[in-house]
Amino acid sequence: MADEQKSPKTETLGYVPASRAKELKGWAHYEKAAKDLTAAREASTAAKKVIRDQLKASFGEAVDFNVDGEGRLQVFRNLEKTTRRPRGKDLSAELFR
């Protein structure tokens, strides 16, 4: 089983430059919602860092956590490093014909 490779679940087609994406219907609504979400995530990240620092001081090593449905903290240690995804190709020529 360890020798089996997982097939990809998605395939990157490319990207649409921001200047062209603004021409899409509904972009203004999406952009406002995305900015609000970004602000909420930044606040959440800052709050999580405070908790993570307290846990690091208590355990003496870098740990992370998440919160389950009952409000309990699940504390864990990351064993794998993450890798970066490759950049996609520009799709604006195909989208705006």
PDB file of N, CA and C in Angstrom:
ATOM      1  N   MET A   1       0.801  -1.195   0.000  1.00  0.00           N
ATOM      2  CA  MET A   1       0.000   0.000   0.000  1.00  0.00           C
ATOM      3  C   MET A   1       0.852   1.270   0.000  1.00  0.00           C
ATOM      4  N   ALA A   2       2.003   1.224   0.648  1.00  0.00           N
ATOM      5  CA  ALA A   2       2.860   2.393   0.714  1.00  0.00           C
ATOM      6  C   ALA A   2       3.417   2.751  -0.662  1.00  0.00           C
ATOM      7  N   ASP A   3       3.483   1.758  -1.570  1.00  0.00           N
ATOM      8  CA  ASP A   3       4.028   1.994  -2.894  1.00  0.00           C
ATOM      9  C   ASP A   3       3.012   2.645  -3.840  1.00  0.00           C
ATOM     10  N   GLU A   4       1.742   2.620  -3.489  1.00  0.00           N
ATOM     11  CA  GLU A   4       0.709   3.198  -4.337  1.00  0.00           C
ATOM     12  C   GLU A   4       0.804   4.720  -4.326  1.00  0.00           C
ATOM     13  N   GLN A   5       0.707   5.312  -5.518  1.00  0.00           N
ATOM     14  CA  GLN A   5       0.700   6.762  -5.607  1.00  0.00           C
ATOM     15  C   GLN A   5      -0.740   7.237  -5.682  1.00  0.00           C
ATOM     16  N   LYS A   6      -1.001   8.321  -5.010  1.00  0.00           N
ATOM     17  CA  LYS A   6      -2.336   8.904  -5.065  1.00  0.00           C
ATOM     18  C   LYS A   6      -2.469   9.712  -6.345  1.00  0.00           C
ATOM     19  N   SER A   7      -3.607   9.590  -7.014  1.00  0.00           N
ATOM     20  CA  SER A   7      -3.834  10.399  -8.202  1.00  0.00           C
ATOM     21  C   SER A   7      -4.244  11.798  -7.763  1.00  0.00           C
ATOM     22  N   PRO A   8      -3.851  12.817  -8.525  1.00  0.00           N
ATOM     23  CA  PRO A   8      -4.185  14.189  -8.132  1.00  0.00           C
ATOM     24  C   PRO A   8      -5.697  14.412  -8.125  1.00  0.00           C
ATOM     25  N   LYS A   9      -6.147  15.228  -7.200  1.00  0.00           N
ATOM     26  CA  LYS A   9      -7.573  15.538  -7.094  1.00  0.00           C
ATOM     27  C   LYS A   9      -7.942  16.758  -7.929  1.00  0.00           C
ATOM     28  N   THR A  10      -6.957  17.595  -8.222  1.00  0.00           N
ATOM     29  CA  THR A  10      -7.196  18.788  -9.038  1.00  0.00           C
ATOM     30  C   THR A  10      -6.031  18.970 -10.007  1.00  0.00           C
ATOM     31  N   GLU A  11      -6.233  19.834 -10.970  1.00  0.00           N
ATOM     32  CA  GLU A  11      -5.181  20.174 -11.912  1.00  0.00           C
ATOM     33  C   GLU A  11      -5.242  21.682 -12.139  1.00  0.00           C
ATOM     34  N   THR A  12      -4.126  22.358 -11.981  1.00  0.00           N
ATOM     35  CA  THR A  12      -4.080  23.793 -12.187  1.00  0.00           C
ATOM     36  C   THR A  12      -4.094  24.097 -13.674  1.00  0.00           C
ATOM     37  N   LEU A  13      -5.042  24.929 -14.079  1.00  0.00           N
ATOM     38  CA  LEU A  13      -5.140  25.331 -15.479  1.00  0.00           C
ATOM     39  C   LEU A  13      -4.326  26.587 -15.748  1.00  0.00           C
ATOM     40  N   GLY A  14      -4.207  27.477 -14.773  1.00  0.00           N
ATOM     41  CA  GLY A  14      -3.459  28.715 -14.933  1.00  0.00           C
ATOM     42  C   GLY A  14      -4.079  29.819 -14.099  1.00  0.00           C
ATOM     43  N   TYR A  15      -3.889  31.060 -14.494  1.00  0.00           N
ATOM     44  CA  TYR A  15      -4.408  32.193 -13.738  1.00  0.00           C
ATOM     45  C   TYR A  15      -4.944  33.269 -14.674  1.00  0.00           C
ATOM     46  N   VAL A  16      -5.726  34.181 -14.108  1.00  0.00           N
ATOM     47  CA  VAL A  16      -6.237  35.341 -14.817  1.00  0.00           C
ATOM     48  C   VAL A  16      -5.674  36.557 -14.093  1.00  0.00           C
ATOM     49  N   PRO A  17      -4.961  37.457 -14.783  1.00  0.00           N
ATOM     50  CA  PRO A  17      -4.404  38.642 -14.129  1.00  0.00           C
ATOM     51  C   PRO A  17      -5.497  39.490 -13.474  1.00  0.00           C
ATOM     52  N   ALA A  18      -5.155  40.168 -12.398  1.00  0.00           N
ATOM     53  CA  ALA A  18      -6.115  40.976 -11.647  1.00  0.00           C
ATOM     54  C   ALA A  18      -6.776  42.031 -12.529  1.00  0.00           C
ATOM     55  N   SER A  19      -6.022  42.618 -13.440  1.00  0.00           N
ATOM     56  CA  SER A  19      -6.592  43.655 -14.310  1.00  0.00           C
ATOM     57  C   SER A  19      -7.727  43.101 -15.179  1.00  0.00           C
ATOM     58  N   ARG A  20      -7.629  41.849 -15.578  1.00  0.00           N
ATOM     59  CA  ARG A  20      -8.671  41.229 -16.396  1.00  0.00           C
ATOM     60  C   ARG A  20      -9.785  40.638 -15.530  1.00  0.00           C
ATOM     61  N   ALA A  21      -9.441  40.176 -14.330  1.00  0.00           N
ATOM     62  CA  ALA A  21     -10.446  39.581 -13.450  1.00  0.00           C
ATOM     63  C   ALA A  21     -11.505  40.608 -13.062  1.00  0.00           C
ATOM     64  N   LYS A  22     -11.116  41.875 -12.985  1.00  0.00           N
ATOM     65  CA  LYS A  22     -12.065  42.932 -12.610  1.00  0.00           C
ATOM     66  C   LYS A  22     -13.198  43.077 -13.619  1.00  0.00           C
ATOM     67  N   GLU A  23     -13.015  42.537 -14.819  1.00  0.00           N
ATOM     68  CA  GLU A  23     -14.038  42.603 -15.853  1.00  0.00           C
ATOM     69  C   GLU A  23     -15.110  41.527 -15.679  1.00  0.00           C
ATOM     70  N   LEU A  24     -14.869  40.556 -14.818  1.00  0.00           N
ATOM     71  CA  LEU A  24     -15.823  39.465 -14.620  1.00  0.00           C
ATOM     72  C   LEU A  24     -17.045  39.938 -13.840  1.00  0.00           C
ATOM     73  N   LYS A  25     -18.211  39.440 -14.219  1.00  0.00           N
ATOM     74  CA  LYS A  25     -19.458  39.777 -13.532  1.00  0.00           C
ATOM     75  C   LYS A  25     -19.371  39.280 -12.084  1.00  0.00           C
ATOM     76  N   GLY A  26     -19.728  40.134 -11.126  1.00  0.00           N
ATOM     77  CA  GLY A  26     -19.717  39.758  -9.713  1.00  0.00           C
ATOM     78  C   GLY A  26     -18.373  39.958  -9.033  1.00  0.00           C
ATOM     79  N   TRP A  27     -17.375  40.460  -9.748  1.00  0.00           N
ATOM     80  CA  TRP A  27     -16.045  40.618  -9.177  1.00  0.00           C
ATOM     81  C   TRP A  27     -16.043  41.592  -7.997  1.00  0.00           C
ATOM     82  N   ALA A  28     -16.761  42.697  -8.105  1.00  0.00           N
ATOM     83  CA  ALA A  28     -16.767  43.713  -7.035  1.00  0.00           C
ATOM     84  C   ALA A  28     -17.290  43.112  -5.734  1.00  0.00           C
ATOM     85  N   HIS A  29     -18.357  42.323  -5.810  1.00  0.00           N
ATOM     86  CA  HIS A  29     -18.905  41.679  -4.608  1.00  0.00           C
ATOM     87  C   HIS A  29     -17.898  40.688  -4.034  1.00  0.00           C
ATOM     88  N   TYR A  30     -17.294  39.881  -4.895  1.00  0.00           N
ATOM     89  CA  TYR A  30     -16.284  38.918  -4.438  1.00  0.00           C
ATOM     90  C   TYR A  30     -15.109  39.635  -3.779  1.00  0.00           C
ATOM     91  N   GLU A  31     -14.635  40.714  -4.395  1.00  0.00           N
ATOM     92  CA  GLU A  31     -13.468  41.430  -3.880  1.00  0.00           C
ATOM     93  C   GLU A  31     -13.726  41.988  -2.478  1.00  0.00           C
ATOM     94  N   LYS A  32     -14.932  42.543  -2.240  1.00  0.00           N
ATOM     95  CA  LYS A  32     -15.268  43.058  -0.911  1.00  0.00           C
ATOM     96  C   LYS A  32     -15.329  41.919   0.108  1.00  0.00           C
ATOM     97  N   ALA A  33     -15.982  40.825  -0.265  1.00  0.00           N
ATOM     98  CA  ALA A  33     -16.088  39.675   0.640  1.00  0.00           C
ATOM     99  C   ALA A  33     -14.711  39.092   0.947  1.00  0.00           C
ATOM    100  N   ALA A  34     -13.846  39.042  -0.054  1.00  0.00           N
ATOM    101  CA  ALA A  34     -12.500  38.508   0.138  1.00  0.00           C
ATOM    102  C   ALA A  34     -11.683  39.400   1.080  1.00  0.00           C
ATOM    103  N   LYS A  35     -11.831  40.725   0.951  1.00  0.00           N
ATOM    104  CA  LYS A  35     -11.112  41.638   1.852  1.00  0.00           C
ATOM    105  C   LYS A  35     -11.599  41.480   3.283  1.00  0.00           C
ATOM    106  N   ASP A  36     -12.916  41.332   3.467  1.00  0.00           N
ATOM    107  CA  ASP A  36     -13.458  41.118   4.815  1.00  0.00           C
ATOM    108  C   ASP A  36     -12.947  39.807   5.406  1.00  0.00           C
ATOM    109  N   LEU A  37     -12.907  38.772   4.589  1.00  0.00           N
ATOM    110  CA  LEU A  37     -12.410  37.478   5.046  1.00  0.00           C
ATOM    111  C   LEU A  37     -10.933  37.560   5.410  1.00  0.00           C
ATOM    112  N   THR A  38     -10.155  38.274   4.619  1.00  0.00           N
ATOM    113  CA  THR A  38      -8.730  38.442   4.903  1.00  0.00           C
ATOM    114  C   THR A  38      -8.526  39.129   6.245  1.00  0.00           C
ATOM    115  N   ALA A  39      -9.308  40.161   6.527  1.00  0.00           N
ATOM    116  CA  ALA A  39      -9.195  40.866   7.810  1.00  0.00           C
ATOM    117  C   ALA A  39      -9.535  39.937   8.974  1.00  0.00           C
ATOM    118  N   ALA A  40     -10.572  39.123   8.812  1.00  0.00           N
ATOM    119  CA  ALA A  40     -10.951  38.182   9.868  1.00  0.00           C
ATOM    120  C   ALA A  40      -9.863  37.126  10.070  1.00  0.00           C
ATOM    121  N   ARG A  41      -9.282  36.646   8.990  1.00  0.00           N
ATOM    122  CA  ARG A  41      -8.211  35.647   9.107  1.00  0.00           C
ATOM    123  C   ARG A  41      -6.979  36.227   9.783  1.00  0.00           C
ATOM    124  N   GLU A  42      -6.653  37.477   9.471  1.00  0.00           N
ATOM    125  CA  GLU A  42      -5.497  38.114  10.106  1.00  0.00           C
ATOM    126  C   GLU A  42      -5.716  38.252  11.605  1.00  0.00           C
ATOM    127  N   ALA A  43      -6.930  38.623  12.022  1.00  0.00           N
ATOM    128  CA  ALA A  43      -7.238  38.728  13.446  1.00  0.00           C
ATOM    129  C   ALA A  43      -7.169  37.358  14.112  1.00  0.00           C
ATOM    130  N   SER A  44      -7.683  36.346  13.439  1.00  0.00           N
ATOM    131  CA  SER A  44      -7.646  34.982  13.967  1.00  0.00           C
ATOM    132  C   SER A  44      -6.209  34.479  14.081  1.00  0.00           C
ATOM    133  N   THR A  45      -5.384  34.775  13.081  1.00  0.00           N
ATOM    134  CA  THR A  45      -3.981  34.357  13.100  1.00  0.00           C
ATOM    135  C   THR A  45      -3.231  35.009  14.253  1.00  0.00           C
ATOM    136  N   ALA A  46      -3.488  36.281  14.484  1.00  0.00           N
ATOM    137  CA  ALA A  46      -2.826  36.976  15.590  1.00  0.00           C
ATOM    138  C   ALA A  46      -3.234  36.377  16.930  1.00  0.00           C
ATOM    139  N   ALA A  47      -4.520  36.076  17.087  1.00  0.00           N
ATOM    140  CA  ALA A  47      -4.999  35.478  18.334  1.00  0.00           C
ATOM    141  C   ALA A  47      -4.438  34.069  18.509  1.00  0.00           C
ATOM    142  N   LYS A  48      -4.361  33.314  17.414  1.00  0.00           N
ATOM    143  CA  LYS A  48      -3.830  31.947  17.487  1.00  0.00           C
ATOM    144  C   LYS A  48      -2.348  31.963  17.843  1.00  0.00           C
ATOM    145  N   LYS A  49      -1.615  32.962  17.381  1.00  0.00           N
ATOM    146  CA  LYS A  49      -0.187  33.066  17.696  1.00  0.00           C
ATOM    147  C   LYS A  49       0.029  33.231  19.197  1.00  0.00           C
ATOM    148  N   VAL A  50      -0.835  34.000  19.844  1.00  0.00           N
ATOM    149  CA  VAL A  50      -0.715  34.185  21.300  1.00  0.00           C
ATOM    150  C   VAL A  50      -0.889  32.842  22.016  1.00  0.00           C
ATOM    151  N   ILE A  51      -1.902  32.071  21.613  1.00  0.00           N
ATOM    152  CA  ILE A  51      -2.138  30.754  22.217  1.00  0.00           C
ATOM    153  C   ILE A  51      -0.981  29.812  21.899  1.00  0.00           C
ATOM    154  N   ARG A  52      -0.520  29.818  20.650  1.00  0.00           N
ATOM    155  CA  ARG A  52       0.577  28.947  20.238  1.00  0.00           C
ATOM    156  C   ARG A  52       1.848  29.253  21.040  1.00  0.00           C
ATOM    157  N   ASP A  53       2.125  30.536  21.281  1.00  0.00           N
ATOM    158  CA  ASP A  53       3.299  30.916  22.075  1.00  0.00           C
ATOM    159  C   ASP A  53       3.192  30.412  23.510  1.00  0.00           C
ATOM    160  N   GLN A  54       1.993  30.465  24.081  1.00  0.00           N
ATOM    161  CA  GLN A  54       1.795  29.937  25.432  1.00  0.00           C
ATOM    162  C   GLN A  54       2.022  28.429  25.461  1.00  0.00           C
ATOM    163  N   LEU A  55       1.511  27.718  24.460  1.00  0.00           N
ATOM    164  CA  LEU A  55       1.706  26.271  24.394  1.00  0.00           C
ATOM    165  C   LEU A  55       3.174  25.924  24.199  1.00  0.00           C
ATOM    166  N   LYS A  56       3.874  26.711  23.379  1.00  0.00           N
ATOM    167  CA  LYS A  56       5.299  26.476  23.152  1.00  0.00           C
ATOM    168  C   LYS A  56       6.079  26.644  24.446  1.00  0.00           C
ATOM    169  N   ALA A  57       5.726  27.655  25.227  1.00  0.00           N
ATOM    170  CA  ALA A  57       6.399  27.874  26.513  1.00  0.00           C
ATOM    171  C   ALA A  57       6.111  26.717  27.472  1.00  0.00           C
ATOM    172  N   SER A  58       4.897  26.188  27.440  1.00  0.00           N
ATOM    173  CA  SER A  58       4.531  25.092  28.340  1.00  0.00           C
ATOM    174  C   SER A  58       5.182  23.774  27.931  1.00  0.00           C
ATOM    175  N   PHE A  59       5.213  23.479  26.631  1.00  0.00           N
ATOM    176  CA  PHE A  59       5.736  22.200  26.156  1.00  0.00           C
ATOM    177  C   PHE A  59       7.224  22.239  25.832  1.00  0.00           C
ATOM    178  N   GLY A  60       7.782  23.432  25.674  1.00  0.00           N
ATOM    179  CA  GLY A  60       9.200  23.564  25.377  1.00  0.00           C
ATOM    180  C   GLY A  60       9.554  23.228  23.937  1.00  0.00           C
ATOM    181  N   GLU A  61       8.581  23.161  23.060  1.00  0.00           N
ATOM    182  CA  GLU A  61       8.819  22.897  21.640  1.00  0.00           C
ATOM    183  C   GLU A  61       7.691  23.517  20.825  1.00  0.00           C
ATOM    184  N   ALA A  62       7.944  23.647  19.529  1.00  0.00           N
ATOM    185  CA  ALA A  62       6.937  24.227  18.638  1.00  0.00           C
ATOM    186  C   ALA A  62       5.797  23.230  18.437  1.00  0.00           C
ATOM    187  N   VAL A  63       4.604  23.629  18.785  1.00  0.00           N
ATOM    188  CA  VAL A  63       3.415  22.804  18.597  1.00  0.00           C
ATOM    189  C   VAL A  63       2.344  23.652  17.933  1.00  0.00           C
ATOM    190  N   ASP A  64       1.297  23.019  17.476  1.00  0.00           N
ATOM    191  CA  ASP A  64       0.166  23.727  16.900  1.00  0.00           C
ATOM    192  C   ASP A  64      -1.101  23.160  17.512  1.00  0.00           C
ATOM    193  N   PHE A  65      -2.233  23.763  17.207  1.00  0.00           N
ATOM    194  CA  PHE A  65      -3.487  23.298  17.782  1.00  0.00           C
ATOM    195  C   PHE A  65      -4.643  23.622  16.866  1.00  0.00           C
ATOM    196  N   ASN A  66      -5.747  22.967  17.114  1.00  0.00           N
ATOM    197  CA  ASN A  66      -7.016  23.357  16.516  1.00  0.00           C
ATOM    198  C   ASN A  66      -8.080  23.176  17.582  1.00  0.00           C
ATOM    199  N   VAL A  67      -9.258  23.678  17.310  1.00  0.00           N
ATOM    200  CA  VAL A  67     -10.350  23.631  18.283  1.00  0.00           C
ATOM    201  C   VAL A  67     -11.437  22.733  17.716  1.00  0.00           C
ATOM    202  N   ASP A  68     -11.871  21.749  18.502  1.00  0.00           N
ATOM    203  CA  ASP A  68     -12.925  20.847  18.016  1.00  0.00           C
ATOM    204  C   ASP A  68     -14.297  21.474  18.251  1.00  0.00           C
ATOM    205  N   GLY A  69     -15.332  20.777  17.887  1.00  0.00           N
ATOM    206  CA  GLY A  69     -16.703  21.293  17.981  1.00  0.00           C
ATOM    207  C   GLY A  69     -17.163  21.584  19.393  1.00  0.00           C
ATOM    208  N   GLU A  70     -16.516  20.970  20.375  1.00  0.00           N
ATOM    209  CA  GLU A  70     -16.890  21.188  21.777  1.00  0.00           C
ATOM    210  C   GLU A  70     -16.033  22.241  22.459  1.00  0.00           C
ATOM    211  N   GLY A  71     -15.130  22.882  21.694  1.00  0.00           N
ATOM    212  CA  GLY A  71     -14.294  23.938  22.252  1.00  0.00           C
ATOM    213  C   GLY A  71     -12.995  23.452  22.869  1.00  0.00           C
ATOM    214  N   ARG A  72     -12.688  22.149  22.758  1.00  0.00           N
ATOM    215  CA  ARG A  72     -11.437  21.621  23.319  1.00  0.00           C
ATOM    216  C   ARG A  72     -10.292  21.878  22.343  1.00  0.00           C
ATOM    217  N   LEU A  73      -9.103  22.125  22.893  1.00  0.00           N
ATOM    218  CA  LEU A  73      -7.917  22.299  22.065  1.00  0.00           C
ATOM    219  C   LEU A  73      -7.303  20.944  21.774  1.00  0.00           C
ATOM    220  N   GLN A  74      -7.059  20.674  20.512  1.00  0.00           N
ATOM    221  CA  GLN A  74      -6.305  19.483  20.124  1.00  0.00           C
ATOM    222  C   GLN A  74      -4.905  19.975  19.800  1.00  0.00           C
ATOM    223  N   VAL A  75      -3.928  19.579  20.596  1.00  0.00           N
ATOM    224  CA  VAL A  75      -2.554  20.046  20.446  1.00  0.00           C
ATOM    225  C   VAL A  75      -1.767  18.965  19.704  1.00  0.00           C
ATOM    226  N   PHE A  76      -0.960  19.379  18.723  1.00  0.00           N
ATOM    227  CA  PHE A  76      -0.196  18.397  17.950  1.00  0.00           C
ATOM    228  C   PHE A  76       1.137  18.979  17.498  1.00  0.00           C
ATOM    229  N   ARG A  77       2.012  18.082  17.096  1.00  0.00           N
ATOM    230  CA  ARG A  77       3.335  18.422  16.587  1.00  0.00           C
ATOM    231  C   ARG A  77       3.341  18.073  15.102  1.00  0.00           C
ATOM    232  N   ASN A  78       3.811  18.975  14.243  1.00  0.00           N
ATOM    233  CA  ASN A  78       3.908  18.705  12.807  1.00  0.00           C
ATOM    234  C   ASN A  78       5.154  17.872  12.535  1.00  0.00           C
ATOM    235  N   LEU A  79       4.969  16.754  11.842  1.00  0.00           N
ATOM    236  CA  LEU A  79       6.082  15.870  11.535  1.00  0.00           C
ATOM    237  C   LEU A  79       6.562  16.011  10.093  1.00  0.00           C
ATOM    238  N   GLU A  80       5.739  16.566   9.217  1.00  0.00           N
ATOM    239  CA  GLU A  80       6.090  16.713   7.802  1.00  0.00           C
ATOM    240  C   GLU A  80       6.246  18.181   7.430  1.00  0.00           C
ATOM    241  N   LYS A  81       7.182  18.435   6.542  1.00  0.00           N
ATOM    242  CA  LYS A  81       7.361  19.776   5.992  1.00  0.00           C
ATOM    243  C   LYS A  81       6.420  19.928   4.811  1.00  0.00           C
ATOM    244  N   THR A  82       5.907  21.132   4.593  1.00  0.00           N
ATOM    245  CA  THR A  82       5.043  21.386   3.441  1.00  0.00           C
ATOM    246  C   THR A  82       5.887  21.884   2.280  1.00  0.00           C
ATOM    247  N   THR A  83       5.400  21.668   1.060  1.00  0.00           N
ATOM    248  CA  THR A  83       6.105  22.136  -0.132  1.00  0.00           C
ATOM    249  C   THR A  83       5.240  23.163  -0.850  1.00  0.00           C
ATOM    250  N   ARG A  84       5.875  23.982  -1.661  1.00  0.00           N
ATOM    251  CA  ARG A  84       5.159  25.017  -2.413  1.00  0.00           C
ATOM    252  C   ARG A  84       4.666  24.456  -3.730  1.00  0.00           C
ATOM    253  N   ARG A  85       3.525  24.963  -4.166  1.00  0.00           N
ATOM    254  CA  ARG A  85       2.952  24.551  -5.445  1.00  0.00           C
ATOM    255  C   ARG A  85       3.563  25.373  -6.582  1.00  0.00           C
ATOM    256  N   PRO A  86       3.685  24.785  -7.780  1.00  0.00           N
ATOM    257  CA  PRO A  86       4.198  25.551  -8.918  1.00  0.00           C
ATOM    258  C   PRO A  86       3.167  26.581  -9.396  1.00  0.00           C
ATOM    259  N   ARG A  87       3.663  27.637 -10.021  1.00  0.00           N
ATOM    260  CA  ARG A  87       2.768  28.684 -10.561  1.00  0.00           C
ATOM    261  C   ARG A  87       2.065  28.180 -11.810  1.00  0.00           C
ATOM    262  N   GLY A  88       0.864  28.682 -12.031  1.00  0.00           N
ATOM    263  CA  GLY A  88       0.082  28.288 -13.201  1.00  0.00           C
ATOM    264  C   GLY A  88       0.329  29.218 -14.373  1.00  0.00           C
ATOM    265  N   LYS A  89      -0.322  28.923 -15.502  1.00  0.00           N
ATOM    266  CA  LYS A  89      -0.167  29.755 -16.691  1.00  0.00           C
ATOM    267  C   LYS A  89      -1.288  30.789 -16.770  1.00  0.00           C
ATOM    268  N   ASP A  90      -1.067  31.846 -17.536  1.00  0.00           N
ATOM    269  CA  ASP A  90      -2.021  32.937 -17.716  1.00  0.00           C
ATOM    270  C   ASP A  90      -3.192  32.464 -18.577  1.00  0.00           C
ATOM    271  N   LEU A  91      -4.412  32.535 -18.033  1.00  0.00           N
ATOM    272  CA  LEU A  91      -5.615  32.076 -18.737  1.00  0.00           C
ATOM    273  C   LEU A  91      -6.416  33.207 -19.377  1.00  0.00           C
ATOM    274  N   SER A  92      -5.982  34.448 -19.241  1.00  0.00           N
ATOM    275  CA  SER A  92      -6.813  35.569 -19.702  1.00  0.00           C
ATOM    276  C   SER A  92      -7.091  35.524 -21.202  1.00  0.00           C
ATOM    277  N   ALA A  93      -6.157  35.028 -21.996  1.00  0.00           N
ATOM    278  CA  ALA A  93      -6.386  34.966 -23.446  1.00  0.00           C
ATOM    279  C   ALA A  93      -7.537  34.007 -23.768  1.00  0.00           C
ATOM    280  N   GLU A  94      -7.654  32.911 -23.018  1.00  0.00           N
ATOM    281  CA  GLU A  94      -8.713  31.946 -23.256  1.00  0.00           C
ATOM    282  C   GLU A  94     -10.051  32.409 -22.700  1.00  0.00           C
ATOM    283  N   LEU A  95     -10.015  33.147 -21.595  1.00  0.00           N
ATOM    284  CA  LEU A  95     -11.239  33.577 -20.927  1.00  0.00           C
ATOM    285  C   LEU A  95     -11.889  34.759 -21.626  1.00  0.00           C
ATOM    286  N   PHE A  96     -11.087  35.667 -22.173  1.00  0.00           N
ATOM    287  CA  PHE A  96     -11.606  36.900 -22.768  1.00  0.00           C
ATOM    288  C   PHE A  96     -11.408  36.902 -24.282  1.00  0.00           C
ATOM    289  N   ARG A  97     -11.958  35.937 -24.966  1.00  0.00           N
ATOM    290  CA  ARG A  97     -11.853  35.871 -26.440  1.00  0.00           C
ATOM    291  C   ARG A  97     -12.891  36.733 -27.083  1.00  0.00           C
TER     292      ARG A  97
END
